N, C-alpha and C. Protein backbone atom coordinates (compact mmCIF):
# COMPACT_ATOMS: atom_id res chain seq x y z
N MET A 1 0.83 -1.19 0.00
CA MET A 1 0.00 0.00 0.00
C MET A 1 0.88 1.25 0.00
N ASP A 2 0.40 2.27 -0.70
CA ASP A 2 1.14 3.53 -0.70
C ASP A 2 0.58 4.45 0.39
N GLU A 3 0.96 5.72 0.36
CA GLU A 3 0.59 6.63 1.45
C GLU A 3 -0.89 6.97 1.49
N ILE A 4 -1.64 6.70 0.44
CA ILE A 4 -3.08 6.99 0.49
C ILE A 4 -3.90 5.71 0.40
N ASP A 5 -3.32 4.60 0.85
CA ASP A 5 -3.99 3.31 0.97
C ASP A 5 -4.55 2.77 -0.33
N GLN A 6 -3.81 2.93 -1.40
CA GLN A 6 -4.17 2.31 -2.66
C GLN A 6 -3.19 1.18 -2.92
N PRO A 7 -3.69 0.06 -3.44
CA PRO A 7 -2.76 -1.04 -3.70
C PRO A 7 -1.79 -0.70 -4.82
N LEU A 8 -0.56 -1.06 -4.62
CA LEU A 8 0.46 -0.84 -5.64
C LEU A 8 0.37 -1.96 -6.67
N PRO A 9 0.63 -1.68 -7.94
CA PRO A 9 0.56 -2.73 -8.95
C PRO A 9 1.66 -3.77 -8.75
N GLU A 10 1.28 -5.01 -9.00
CA GLU A 10 2.25 -6.09 -8.91
C GLU A 10 2.55 -6.59 -10.31
N ALA A 11 3.81 -6.62 -10.67
CA ALA A 11 4.20 -7.00 -12.02
C ALA A 11 4.03 -8.50 -12.26
N ARG A 12 4.02 -9.32 -11.22
CA ARG A 12 3.99 -10.77 -11.38
C ARG A 12 2.58 -11.32 -11.47
N LYS A 13 1.57 -10.50 -11.28
CA LYS A 13 0.20 -11.00 -11.37
C LYS A 13 -0.14 -11.28 -12.83
N PRO A 14 -0.91 -12.32 -13.08
CA PRO A 14 -1.30 -12.61 -14.48
C PRO A 14 -2.20 -11.52 -15.04
N LEU A 15 -2.24 -11.45 -16.36
CA LEU A 15 -3.00 -10.42 -17.05
C LEU A 15 -4.48 -10.47 -16.68
N VAL A 16 -5.06 -11.65 -16.60
CA VAL A 16 -6.48 -11.78 -16.27
C VAL A 16 -6.75 -11.23 -14.88
N SER A 17 -5.89 -11.53 -13.93
CA SER A 17 -6.06 -11.04 -12.57
C SER A 17 -5.95 -9.52 -12.51
N ARG A 18 -4.97 -8.97 -13.23
CA ARG A 18 -4.83 -7.51 -13.25
C ARG A 18 -6.04 -6.86 -13.91
N THR A 19 -6.53 -7.46 -14.99
CA THR A 19 -7.69 -6.92 -15.69
C THR A 19 -8.92 -6.94 -14.79
N LEU A 20 -9.13 -8.04 -14.08
CA LEU A 20 -10.28 -8.11 -13.17
C LEU A 20 -10.16 -7.10 -12.04
N THR A 21 -8.96 -6.86 -11.56
CA THR A 21 -8.75 -5.85 -10.52
C THR A 21 -9.09 -4.46 -11.05
N GLU A 22 -8.68 -4.18 -12.29
CA GLU A 22 -9.01 -2.88 -12.90
C GLU A 22 -10.51 -2.74 -13.10
N TRP A 23 -11.18 -3.79 -13.54
CA TRP A 23 -12.63 -3.73 -13.74
C TRP A 23 -13.36 -3.52 -12.41
N LYS A 24 -12.85 -4.14 -11.35
CA LYS A 24 -13.46 -3.96 -10.03
C LYS A 24 -13.32 -2.50 -9.59
N THR A 25 -12.14 -1.93 -9.77
CA THR A 25 -11.92 -0.53 -9.42
C THR A 25 -12.80 0.38 -10.26
N LEU A 26 -12.91 0.09 -11.54
CA LEU A 26 -13.76 0.88 -12.43
C LEU A 26 -15.22 0.80 -12.00
N ALA A 27 -15.68 -0.38 -11.60
CA ALA A 27 -17.06 -0.53 -11.16
C ALA A 27 -17.32 0.25 -9.86
N ILE A 28 -16.35 0.24 -8.97
CA ILE A 28 -16.51 0.98 -7.71
C ILE A 28 -16.57 2.47 -7.97
N LEU A 29 -15.70 2.97 -8.85
CA LEU A 29 -15.68 4.41 -9.14
C LEU A 29 -16.82 4.84 -10.06
N GLY A 30 -17.17 4.01 -11.02
CA GLY A 30 -18.18 4.39 -11.99
C GLY A 30 -19.60 4.03 -11.60
N GLY A 31 -19.76 3.18 -10.60
CA GLY A 31 -21.10 2.76 -10.18
C GLY A 31 -22.02 3.91 -9.81
N PRO A 32 -21.59 4.82 -8.94
CA PRO A 32 -22.47 5.94 -8.60
C PRO A 32 -22.82 6.82 -9.79
N ILE A 33 -21.87 7.00 -10.71
CA ILE A 33 -22.14 7.80 -11.90
C ILE A 33 -23.17 7.11 -12.76
N LEU A 34 -23.03 5.80 -12.92
CA LEU A 34 -23.99 5.03 -13.71
C LEU A 34 -25.38 5.11 -13.10
N ILE A 35 -25.47 4.97 -11.79
CA ILE A 35 -26.76 5.05 -11.11
C ILE A 35 -27.40 6.42 -11.31
N ALA A 36 -26.61 7.48 -11.21
CA ALA A 36 -27.14 8.83 -11.40
C ALA A 36 -27.65 9.03 -12.82
N GLN A 37 -26.92 8.52 -13.81
CA GLN A 37 -27.33 8.68 -15.20
C GLN A 37 -28.61 7.88 -15.49
N VAL A 38 -28.69 6.67 -14.97
CA VAL A 38 -29.90 5.86 -15.17
C VAL A 38 -31.09 6.52 -14.48
N ALA A 39 -30.88 7.08 -13.30
CA ALA A 39 -31.97 7.76 -12.59
C ALA A 39 -32.45 8.98 -13.37
N GLN A 40 -31.53 9.72 -13.97
CA GLN A 40 -31.91 10.89 -14.77
C GLN A 40 -32.74 10.47 -15.97
N MET A 41 -32.33 9.43 -16.65
CA MET A 41 -33.08 8.97 -17.81
C MET A 41 -34.41 8.34 -17.39
N ALA A 42 -34.43 7.66 -16.25
CA ALA A 42 -35.67 7.07 -15.76
C ALA A 42 -36.69 8.15 -15.43
N ASN A 43 -36.21 9.31 -15.01
CA ASN A 43 -37.10 10.43 -14.74
C ASN A 43 -37.87 10.81 -16.01
N GLY A 44 -37.18 10.88 -17.13
CA GLY A 44 -37.84 11.18 -18.40
C GLY A 44 -38.82 10.09 -18.81
N VAL A 45 -38.45 8.84 -18.59
CA VAL A 45 -39.35 7.73 -18.93
C VAL A 45 -40.61 7.78 -18.09
N ILE A 46 -40.46 8.03 -16.80
CA ILE A 46 -41.63 8.10 -15.91
C ILE A 46 -42.52 9.27 -16.29
N ASP A 47 -41.91 10.41 -16.62
CA ASP A 47 -42.70 11.56 -17.08
C ASP A 47 -43.50 11.21 -18.33
N THR A 48 -42.88 10.51 -19.26
CA THR A 48 -43.55 10.14 -20.50
C THR A 48 -44.69 9.18 -20.24
N VAL A 49 -44.48 8.20 -19.39
CA VAL A 49 -45.54 7.23 -19.08
C VAL A 49 -46.72 7.92 -18.40
N MET A 50 -46.42 8.80 -17.45
CA MET A 50 -47.50 9.49 -16.74
C MET A 50 -48.26 10.43 -17.67
N ALA A 51 -47.55 11.16 -18.52
CA ALA A 51 -48.22 12.08 -19.45
C ALA A 51 -49.01 11.31 -20.50
N GLY A 52 -48.55 10.14 -20.90
CA GLY A 52 -49.26 9.33 -21.87
C GLY A 52 -50.60 8.87 -21.37
N HIS A 53 -50.72 8.68 -20.06
CA HIS A 53 -52.00 8.29 -19.48
C HIS A 53 -52.98 9.46 -19.42
N ALA A 54 -52.48 10.69 -19.42
CA ALA A 54 -53.35 11.86 -19.31
C ALA A 54 -53.97 12.19 -20.67
N SER A 55 -53.15 12.56 -21.64
CA SER A 55 -53.67 12.88 -22.98
C SER A 55 -52.51 12.96 -23.97
N ALA A 56 -52.87 13.00 -25.24
CA ALA A 56 -51.85 13.11 -26.28
C ALA A 56 -51.17 14.48 -26.24
N GLU A 57 -51.92 15.52 -25.90
CA GLU A 57 -51.33 16.86 -25.80
C GLU A 57 -50.32 16.94 -24.67
N ASP A 58 -50.64 16.32 -23.53
CA ASP A 58 -49.70 16.31 -22.42
C ASP A 58 -48.44 15.53 -22.79
N LEU A 59 -48.62 14.43 -23.49
CA LEU A 59 -47.47 13.63 -23.91
C LEU A 59 -46.59 14.44 -24.87
N ALA A 60 -47.20 15.17 -25.78
CA ALA A 60 -46.43 16.01 -26.70
C ALA A 60 -45.69 17.11 -25.95
N GLY A 61 -46.33 17.69 -24.95
CA GLY A 61 -45.68 18.73 -24.15
C GLY A 61 -44.48 18.21 -23.39
N VAL A 62 -44.59 17.01 -22.84
CA VAL A 62 -43.46 16.41 -22.13
C VAL A 62 -42.32 16.12 -23.11
N GLY A 63 -42.66 15.64 -24.29
CA GLY A 63 -41.62 15.35 -25.28
C GLY A 63 -40.89 16.60 -25.73
N ILE A 64 -41.64 17.66 -25.98
CA ILE A 64 -41.01 18.92 -26.40
C ILE A 64 -40.19 19.51 -25.26
N GLY A 65 -40.75 19.51 -24.07
CA GLY A 65 -40.03 20.04 -22.91
C GLY A 65 -38.73 19.28 -22.66
N SER A 66 -38.78 17.97 -22.78
CA SER A 66 -37.58 17.17 -22.58
C SER A 66 -36.55 17.43 -23.67
N SER A 67 -37.01 17.61 -24.90
CA SER A 67 -36.06 17.87 -25.99
C SER A 67 -35.43 19.26 -25.89
N LEU A 68 -36.07 20.18 -25.20
CA LEU A 68 -35.47 21.49 -24.97
C LEU A 68 -34.57 21.50 -23.73
N TRP A 69 -34.96 20.76 -22.71
CA TRP A 69 -34.25 20.77 -21.44
C TRP A 69 -32.95 19.97 -21.49
N MET A 70 -33.01 18.75 -22.01
CA MET A 70 -31.86 17.85 -21.92
C MET A 70 -30.60 18.37 -22.62
N PRO A 71 -30.66 18.94 -23.83
CA PRO A 71 -29.41 19.45 -24.43
C PRO A 71 -28.75 20.56 -23.60
N LEU A 72 -29.57 21.45 -23.05
CA LEU A 72 -29.00 22.51 -22.21
C LEU A 72 -28.39 21.92 -20.94
N PHE A 73 -29.11 21.01 -20.33
CA PHE A 73 -28.64 20.38 -19.10
C PHE A 73 -27.32 19.64 -19.34
N LEU A 74 -27.27 18.85 -20.41
CA LEU A 74 -26.06 18.09 -20.69
C LEU A 74 -24.89 18.98 -21.07
N PHE A 75 -25.15 20.08 -21.77
CA PHE A 75 -24.08 21.00 -22.13
C PHE A 75 -23.41 21.57 -20.89
N PHE A 76 -24.22 22.08 -19.96
CA PHE A 76 -23.63 22.68 -18.77
C PHE A 76 -23.06 21.64 -17.81
N MET A 77 -23.65 20.46 -17.77
CA MET A 77 -23.06 19.40 -16.95
C MET A 77 -21.70 18.98 -17.51
N GLY A 78 -21.59 18.95 -18.83
CA GLY A 78 -20.30 18.63 -19.44
C GLY A 78 -19.25 19.67 -19.12
N MET A 79 -19.65 20.94 -19.14
CA MET A 79 -18.70 22.00 -18.81
C MET A 79 -18.24 21.88 -17.36
N LEU A 80 -19.17 21.62 -16.46
CA LEU A 80 -18.80 21.50 -15.05
C LEU A 80 -18.09 20.18 -14.76
N GLY A 81 -18.34 19.17 -15.60
CA GLY A 81 -17.65 17.89 -15.42
C GLY A 81 -16.15 18.01 -15.63
N ALA A 82 -15.71 19.00 -16.37
CA ALA A 82 -14.28 19.21 -16.58
C ALA A 82 -13.59 19.68 -15.31
N LEU A 83 -14.36 20.16 -14.36
CA LEU A 83 -13.78 20.65 -13.11
C LEU A 83 -13.25 19.51 -12.24
N GLN A 84 -13.86 18.35 -12.33
CA GLN A 84 -13.45 17.22 -11.48
C GLN A 84 -12.01 16.79 -11.71
N PRO A 85 -11.58 16.56 -12.95
CA PRO A 85 -10.17 16.17 -13.12
C PRO A 85 -9.19 17.30 -12.79
N ILE A 86 -9.63 18.54 -12.96
CA ILE A 86 -8.74 19.66 -12.61
C ILE A 86 -8.48 19.66 -11.11
N ILE A 87 -9.53 19.55 -10.33
CA ILE A 87 -9.38 19.53 -8.87
C ILE A 87 -8.62 18.29 -8.43
N SER A 88 -8.90 17.15 -9.05
CA SER A 88 -8.16 15.93 -8.70
C SER A 88 -6.69 16.07 -9.02
N GLY A 89 -6.38 16.72 -10.13
CA GLY A 89 -4.97 16.94 -10.48
C GLY A 89 -4.26 17.81 -9.47
N TYR A 90 -4.94 18.86 -9.03
CA TYR A 90 -4.35 19.72 -8.00
C TYR A 90 -4.16 18.96 -6.70
N ASN A 91 -5.14 18.12 -6.36
CA ASN A 91 -5.02 17.34 -5.13
C ASN A 91 -3.88 16.33 -5.25
N GLY A 92 -3.78 15.68 -6.42
CA GLY A 92 -2.70 14.71 -6.62
C GLY A 92 -1.34 15.35 -6.66
N ALA A 93 -1.26 16.58 -7.15
CA ALA A 93 0.02 17.29 -7.19
C ALA A 93 0.35 17.94 -5.86
N ARG A 94 -0.53 17.75 -4.90
CA ARG A 94 -0.35 18.31 -3.55
C ARG A 94 -0.22 19.83 -3.60
N THR A 95 -1.10 20.45 -4.38
CA THR A 95 -1.17 21.91 -4.44
C THR A 95 -2.59 22.34 -4.05
N PRO A 96 -2.93 22.19 -2.78
CA PRO A 96 -4.31 22.49 -2.36
C PRO A 96 -4.67 23.97 -2.48
N ALA A 97 -3.69 24.85 -2.57
CA ALA A 97 -4.00 26.28 -2.70
C ALA A 97 -4.67 26.58 -4.04
N LYS A 98 -4.50 25.72 -5.03
CA LYS A 98 -5.11 25.95 -6.33
C LYS A 98 -6.54 25.39 -6.42
N ILE A 99 -6.94 24.62 -5.43
CA ILE A 99 -8.27 23.97 -5.49
C ILE A 99 -9.39 24.98 -5.34
N MET A 100 -9.29 25.88 -4.38
CA MET A 100 -10.38 26.85 -4.16
C MET A 100 -10.57 27.79 -5.33
N PRO A 101 -9.52 28.33 -5.95
CA PRO A 101 -9.77 29.16 -7.13
C PRO A 101 -10.47 28.39 -8.26
N ALA A 102 -10.09 27.14 -8.46
CA ALA A 102 -10.76 26.34 -9.48
C ALA A 102 -12.22 26.08 -9.11
N THR A 103 -12.47 25.87 -7.83
CA THR A 103 -13.85 25.65 -7.37
C THR A 103 -14.68 26.91 -7.58
N TRP A 104 -14.11 28.06 -7.28
CA TRP A 104 -14.84 29.31 -7.50
C TRP A 104 -15.13 29.52 -8.98
N GLN A 105 -14.18 29.17 -9.84
CA GLN A 105 -14.43 29.28 -11.28
C GLN A 105 -15.61 28.39 -11.68
N GLY A 106 -15.66 27.19 -11.10
CA GLY A 106 -16.79 26.30 -11.37
C GLY A 106 -18.10 26.88 -10.89
N LEU A 107 -18.08 27.53 -9.74
CA LEU A 107 -19.30 28.16 -9.23
C LEU A 107 -19.73 29.33 -10.11
N TYR A 108 -18.76 30.08 -10.63
CA TYR A 108 -19.10 31.17 -11.55
C TYR A 108 -19.73 30.61 -12.83
N ILE A 109 -19.14 29.55 -13.36
CA ILE A 109 -19.69 28.93 -14.56
C ILE A 109 -21.09 28.40 -14.29
N ALA A 110 -21.29 27.78 -13.13
CA ALA A 110 -22.61 27.25 -12.79
C ALA A 110 -23.63 28.37 -12.65
N GLY A 111 -23.24 29.47 -12.04
CA GLY A 111 -24.16 30.60 -11.89
C GLY A 111 -24.56 31.22 -13.22
N VAL A 112 -23.57 31.44 -14.08
CA VAL A 112 -23.87 32.00 -15.40
C VAL A 112 -24.69 31.01 -16.21
N GLY A 113 -24.34 29.74 -16.11
CA GLY A 113 -25.11 28.71 -16.82
C GLY A 113 -26.55 28.64 -16.35
N ALA A 114 -26.76 28.77 -15.04
CA ALA A 114 -28.13 28.75 -14.51
C ALA A 114 -28.93 29.94 -15.05
N ILE A 115 -28.31 31.10 -15.09
CA ILE A 115 -29.01 32.29 -15.61
C ILE A 115 -29.35 32.09 -17.09
N ILE A 116 -28.40 31.58 -17.86
CA ILE A 116 -28.65 31.34 -19.28
C ILE A 116 -29.78 30.33 -19.47
N MET A 117 -29.74 29.25 -18.70
CA MET A 117 -30.79 28.23 -18.82
C MET A 117 -32.15 28.79 -18.43
N ILE A 118 -32.20 29.56 -17.38
CA ILE A 118 -33.48 30.15 -16.96
C ILE A 118 -34.01 31.08 -18.05
N LEU A 119 -33.14 31.91 -18.60
CA LEU A 119 -33.58 32.82 -19.66
C LEU A 119 -34.05 32.08 -20.90
N LEU A 120 -33.32 31.06 -21.29
CA LEU A 120 -33.72 30.30 -22.48
C LEU A 120 -35.00 29.50 -22.26
N LEU A 121 -35.12 28.87 -21.11
CA LEU A 121 -36.27 28.00 -20.89
C LEU A 121 -37.54 28.75 -20.52
N THR A 122 -37.43 29.98 -20.05
CA THR A 122 -38.64 30.75 -19.77
C THR A 122 -39.11 31.56 -20.98
N ASN A 123 -38.31 31.57 -22.02
CA ASN A 123 -38.67 32.30 -23.24
C ASN A 123 -38.70 31.37 -24.45
N VAL A 124 -39.40 30.26 -24.35
CA VAL A 124 -39.46 29.29 -25.44
C VAL A 124 -40.70 29.48 -26.32
N HIS A 125 -41.46 30.51 -26.07
CA HIS A 125 -42.69 30.72 -26.85
C HIS A 125 -42.45 30.78 -28.35
N PRO A 126 -41.41 31.46 -28.85
CA PRO A 126 -41.18 31.45 -30.31
C PRO A 126 -40.93 30.04 -30.87
N VAL A 127 -40.28 29.21 -30.09
CA VAL A 127 -40.01 27.85 -30.54
C VAL A 127 -41.30 27.03 -30.57
N LEU A 128 -42.13 27.20 -29.57
CA LEU A 128 -43.35 26.40 -29.47
C LEU A 128 -44.41 26.86 -30.44
N GLU A 129 -44.44 28.13 -30.81
CA GLU A 129 -45.46 28.63 -31.74
C GLU A 129 -45.13 28.28 -33.19
N GLY A 130 -43.85 28.12 -33.51
CA GLY A 130 -43.42 27.90 -34.88
C GLY A 130 -43.68 26.53 -35.32
C-alpha cells in the first residue's frame, strides 16, 4: 500500500487477474455515476408514461419540454464535469492552494449557466409557436 492506501501494482500478477482488478476498481468508481445517469433517464421515462395516461397533448408537451431541457442540461453538466479532473490533479500534485480558485471558477460557470438556462427555458414561446 502507498501513502493513500491504494494497492500498488504487482508485475507478477497474471493479465487476467490484473484486468479483473481494474474492472473492479472501475465498477466501484463508476457505479455511482452510472446510477445517477440511469436515474436521470428514468425520470424522463416516468414523465412520458404518466403524461401518456393523461392525454396526447400532455405527452407532446413532455416530449417537447424534454427535448429542450436535456441538451442545455447536458451542455452545462459537461462544462462542469471538466472541473473534477482539474481539482483531482491539483489534489494529486499536492497543491491544495489551487483547489479553491478552481472551485470558485466552477461556481461562476454554474451561476452564469443557470441564468442562461433560466432565460432560455422561460422564453421558449417562439419555438413552441413555430
